[in-house]
Amino acid sequence: MDTKAEWSAPVKSYVFQVVVEDDAMETGEKAYHAYCPALKGCHTWGRTYDEALANVREAVELYVEDLRESGSRIPVDPELGGLEWPTPAVAVNL
């Protein structure tokens, strides 16, 4: 069970805009390229729009997890779609 100290730790929320765009594989088959402008080098792809979106969500989560584990700062740049809130938040995509 979580201790009281763990429950009282401050929580921040980060939201990152992503871009999913039409692409093609070398064979000419339709594909989608997805990336997060605020996280340099955070790119992925998928055979469908939904697959690319799911893959970029995972890529962003892993990217931020690596930053936290290495003690690096999480980039926040509203112009590139990287936002930070000082409290917990929920993002809803429609």
C-alpha atoms as a PDB file:
ATOM      1  CA  MET A   1       0.000   0.000   0.000  1.00  0.00           C
ATOM      2  CA  ASP A   2       1.183   3.541  -0.684  1.00  0.00           C
ATOM      3  CA  THR A   3       2.515   5.508   2.238  1.00  0.00           C
ATOM      4  CA  LYS A   4       1.155   8.897   3.247  1.00  0.00           C
ATOM      5  CA  ALA A   5       4.378  10.525   2.003  1.00  0.00           C
ATOM      6  CA  GLU A   6       3.793   9.084  -1.478  1.00  0.00           C
ATOM      7  CA  TRP A   7       0.225  10.364  -1.521  1.00  0.00           C
ATOM      8  CA  SER A   8       1.242  13.893  -0.596  1.00  0.00           C
ATOM      9  CA  ALA A   9       3.983  14.199  -3.234  1.00  0.00           C
ATOM     10  CA  PRO A  10       3.292  17.078  -5.644  1.00  0.00           C
ATOM     11  CA  VAL A  11       2.076  15.988  -9.064  1.00  0.00           C
ATOM     12  CA  LYS A  12       2.497  17.969 -12.277  1.00  0.00           C
ATOM     13  CA  SER A  13       0.762  17.328 -15.570  1.00  0.00           C
ATOM     14  CA  TYR A  14       2.309  17.590 -19.018  1.00  0.00           C
ATOM     15  CA  VAL A  15       0.425  17.705 -22.309  1.00  0.00           C
ATOM     16  CA  PHE A  16       2.198  17.378 -25.642  1.00  0.00           C
ATOM     17  CA  GLN A  17       0.679  18.186 -29.002  1.00  0.00           C
ATOM     18  CA  VAL A  18       1.398  15.561 -31.654  1.00  0.00           C
ATOM     19  CA  VAL A  19       1.187  15.609 -35.434  1.00  0.00           C
ATOM     20  CA  VAL A  20      -0.005  12.670 -37.545  1.00  0.00           C
ATOM     21  CA  GLU A  21       0.429  13.070 -41.291  1.00  0.00           C
ATOM     22  CA  ASP A  22       0.026  10.994 -44.436  1.00  0.00           C
ATOM     23  CA  ASP A  23       3.115   9.076 -45.470  1.00  0.00           C
ATOM     24  CA  ALA A  24       4.007   6.044 -47.554  1.00  0.00           C
ATOM     25  CA  MET A  25       6.253   3.053 -47.057  1.00  0.00           C
ATOM     26  CA  GLU A  26       9.031   2.294 -49.538  1.00  0.00           C
ATOM     27  CA  THR A  27       6.643  -0.133 -51.252  1.00  0.00           C
ATOM     28  CA  GLY A  28       4.189   2.708 -51.860  1.00  0.00           C
ATOM     29  CA  GLU A  29       1.717   1.320 -49.321  1.00  0.00           C
ATOM     30  CA  LYS A  30      -0.132   4.023 -47.379  1.00  0.00           C
ATOM     31  CA  ALA A  31       1.218   4.786 -43.898  1.00  0.00           C
ATOM     32  CA  TYR A  32       1.212   7.600 -41.351  1.00  0.00           C
ATOM     33  CA  HIS A  33       4.121   9.481 -39.792  1.00  0.00           C
ATOM     34  CA  ALA A  34       3.594  10.804 -36.255  1.00  0.00           C
ATOM     35  CA  TYR A  35       5.783  13.056 -34.132  1.00  0.00           C
ATOM     36  CA  CYS A  36       5.842  15.396 -31.157  1.00  0.00           C
ATOM     37  CA  PRO A  37       7.318  18.816 -32.056  1.00  0.00           C
ATOM     38  CA  ALA A  38       8.174  19.634 -28.415  1.00  0.00           C
ATOM     39  CA  LEU A  39      10.266  16.457 -27.974  1.00  0.00           C
ATOM     40  CA  LYS A  40      13.210  16.539 -30.379  1.00  0.00           C
ATOM     41  CA  GLY A  41      13.588  13.225 -32.195  1.00  0.00           C
ATOM     42  CA  CYS A  42      10.286  11.759 -30.969  1.00  0.00           C
ATOM     43  CA  HIS A  43       8.955  10.225 -34.204  1.00  0.00           C
ATOM     44  CA  THR A  44       7.114   7.034 -35.102  1.00  0.00           C
ATOM     45  CA  TRP A  45       4.741   5.676 -37.725  1.00  0.00           C
ATOM     46  CA  GLY A  46       1.794   3.371 -38.253  1.00  0.00           C
ATOM     47  CA  ARG A  47      -0.057   1.574 -41.038  1.00  0.00           C
ATOM     48  CA  THR A  48      -3.261   3.391 -39.993  1.00  0.00           C
ATOM     49  CA  TYR A  49      -3.947   6.794 -38.445  1.00  0.00           C
ATOM     50  CA  ASP A  50      -5.078   5.137 -35.194  1.00  0.00           C
ATOM     51  CA  GLU A  51      -1.972   2.945 -35.041  1.00  0.00           C
ATOM     52  CA  ALA A  52       0.293   5.966 -35.591  1.00  0.00           C
ATOM     53  CA  LEU A  53      -1.562   7.895 -32.882  1.00  0.00           C
ATOM     54  CA  ALA A  54      -1.233   4.992 -30.415  1.00  0.00           C
ATOM     55  CA  ASN A  55       2.459   4.626 -31.295  1.00  0.00           C
ATOM     56  CA  VAL A  56       3.219   8.319 -30.800  1.00  0.00           C
ATOM     57  CA  ARG A  57       1.408   8.267 -27.452  1.00  0.00           C
ATOM     58  CA  GLU A  58       3.691   5.413 -26.356  1.00  0.00           C
ATOM     59  CA  ALA A  59       6.763   7.165 -27.805  1.00  0.00           C
ATOM     60  CA  VAL A  60       5.993  10.355 -25.847  1.00  0.00           C
ATOM     61  CA  GLU A  61       5.455   8.390 -22.620  1.00  0.00           C
ATOM     62  CA  LEU A  62       8.768   6.540 -23.058  1.00  0.00           C
ATOM     63  CA  TYR A  63      10.610   9.747 -23.991  1.00  0.00           C
ATOM     64  CA  VAL A  64       9.375  11.541 -20.865  1.00  0.00           C
ATOM     65  CA  GLU A  65      10.088   8.477 -18.706  1.00  0.00           C
ATOM     66  CA  ASP A  66      13.698   8.460 -19.991  1.00  0.00           C
ATOM     67  CA  LEU A  67      14.036  12.172 -19.218  1.00  0.00           C
ATOM     68  CA  ARG A  68      12.787  11.647 -15.656  1.00  0.00           C
ATOM     69  CA  GLU A  69      15.058   8.637 -15.052  1.00  0.00           C
ATOM     70  CA  SER A  70      18.113  10.578 -16.261  1.00  0.00           C
ATOM     71  CA  GLY A  71      17.193  13.631 -14.168  1.00  0.00           C
ATOM     72  CA  SER A  72      16.744  15.772 -17.282  1.00  0.00           C
ATOM     73  CA  ARG A  73      14.244  18.600 -17.532  1.00  0.00           C
ATOM     74  CA  ILE A  74      10.985  17.859 -19.353  1.00  0.00           C
ATOM     75  CA  PRO A  75      10.712  20.392 -22.199  1.00  0.00           C
ATOM     76  CA  VAL A  76       7.883  22.897 -21.892  1.00  0.00           C
ATOM     77  CA  ASP A  77       7.343  25.121 -24.919  1.00  0.00           C
ATOM     78  CA  PRO A  78       3.793  26.279 -25.657  1.00  0.00           C
ATOM     79  CA  GLU A  79       4.820  27.312 -29.196  1.00  0.00           C
ATOM     80  CA  LEU A  80       5.789  23.677 -29.905  1.00  0.00           C
ATOM     81  CA  GLY A  81       2.784  22.249 -28.060  1.00  0.00           C
ATOM     82  CA  GLY A  82       4.467  21.282 -24.773  1.00  0.00           C
ATOM     83  CA  LEU A  83       2.446  22.424 -21.763  1.00  0.00           C
ATOM     84  CA  GLU A  84       2.865  21.970 -18.003  1.00  0.00           C
ATOM     85  CA  TRP A  85       0.307  22.354 -15.210  1.00  0.00           C
ATOM     86  CA  PRO A  86       1.335  22.458 -11.541  1.00  0.00           C
ATOM     87  CA  THR A  87      -1.533  20.114 -10.618  1.00  0.00           C
ATOM     88  CA  PRO A  88      -2.984  16.809 -11.838  1.00  0.00           C
ATOM     89  CA  ALA A  89      -5.023  17.100 -15.047  1.00  0.00           C
ATOM     90  CA  VAL A  90      -6.879  14.941 -17.531  1.00  0.00           C
ATOM     91  CA  ALA A  91      -6.552  15.391 -21.297  1.00  0.00           C
ATOM     92  CA  VAL A  92      -9.486  14.305 -23.435  1.00  0.00           C
ATOM     93  CA  ASN A  93      -9.069  13.771 -27.179  1.00  0.00           C
ATOM     94  CA  LEU A  94     -12.215  13.889 -29.325  1.00  0.00           C
END
